[in-house]
Protein backbone atom coordinates (compact mmCIF):
# COMPACT_ATOMS: atom_id res chain seq x y z
CA MET A 1 -35.26 -11.48 35.07
CA GLU A 2 -33.25 -8.70 36.72
CA ASN A 3 -30.07 -10.81 36.53
CA ARG A 4 -30.60 -11.28 32.81
CA LEU A 5 -31.11 -7.54 32.33
CA ASN A 6 -27.91 -6.81 34.26
CA LYS A 7 -25.98 -9.25 32.06
CA MET A 8 -27.32 -7.56 28.93
CA GLU A 9 -26.38 -4.12 30.27
CA MET A 10 -22.86 -5.31 31.06
CA LEU A 11 -22.55 -6.83 27.59
CA TYR A 12 -23.72 -3.57 26.05
CA LEU A 13 -21.19 -1.57 28.06
CA ASP A 14 -18.37 -3.94 27.11
CA GLN A 15 -19.29 -3.72 23.45
CA SER A 16 -19.53 0.07 23.62
CA ARG A 17 -16.04 0.27 25.13
CA MET A 18 -14.67 -2.13 22.56
CA LEU A 19 -16.23 -0.10 19.74
CA GLU A 20 -14.68 3.11 21.10
CA ASP A 21 -11.27 1.41 21.40
CA LEU A 22 -11.48 0.03 17.87
CA SER A 23 -12.55 3.41 16.54
CA ALA A 24 -9.60 5.12 18.22
CA GLU A 25 -7.21 2.47 16.89
CA MET A 26 -8.59 2.85 13.37
CA PHE A 27 -8.15 6.61 13.59
CA GLN A 28 -4.51 6.17 14.63
CA GLN A 29 -3.90 3.75 11.78
CA GLN A 30 -5.46 6.16 9.26
CA GLN A 31 -3.23 8.96 10.52
CA GLU A 32 -0.16 6.71 10.22
CA ALA A 33 -1.17 5.61 6.71
CA ARG A 34 -1.57 9.24 5.63
CA ARG A 35 1.81 10.14 7.11
CA LEU A 36 3.52 7.21 5.41
CA THR A 37 1.81 7.94 2.09
CA ALA A 38 3.03 11.54 2.22
CA ARG A 39 6.54 10.36 3.02
CA ILE A 40 6.54 7.86 0.15
CA LYS A 41 5.38 10.60 -2.23
CA LEU A 42 8.20 12.88 -1.06
CA LEU A 43 10.77 10.11 -1.46
CA GLU A 44 9.46 9.31 -4.95
CA GLU A 45 9.81 12.97 -5.91
CA LYS A 46 13.36 13.10 -4.56
CA LEU A 47 14.27 9.90 -6.39
CA ALA A 48 12.83 11.23 -9.64
CA ALA A 49 14.78 14.47 -9.24
CA VAL A 50 18.02 12.61 -8.58
CA SER A 51 17.40 10.24 -11.49
CA GLU A 52 16.78 13.14 -13.86
CA SER A 53 19.89 15.02 -12.76
CA ASN A 54 22.09 11.93 -13.13
CA HIS A 55 20.67 10.88 -16.48
CA ILE A 56 23.30 10.39 -19.16
CA GLY A 57 22.04 10.37 -22.73
CA GLY A 58 22.60 7.34 -24.91
CA HIS A 59 25.40 8.96 -27.00
CA GLU A 60 26.89 11.36 -24.50
CA ARG A 61 30.17 10.65 -22.80
CA PRO A 62 30.37 10.86 -19.03
CA PRO A 63 32.20 14.01 -17.82
CA HIS A 64 35.27 12.08 -16.65
CA TYR A 65 36.24 11.06 -20.23
């Protein structure tokens, strides 16, 4: 009976450690996802700004003509 209880305690400790490790990993991944999302947003804004500044109207001549 005591051996069985010891096995269950060890299993519980292993699962607790694994849960803490997974939680920490998930936190790191969430931080990375937030960082990448912010970077994508910034790049989209820069691209939109560049696209707007380089836009040539349908009937306008480019400046080099």
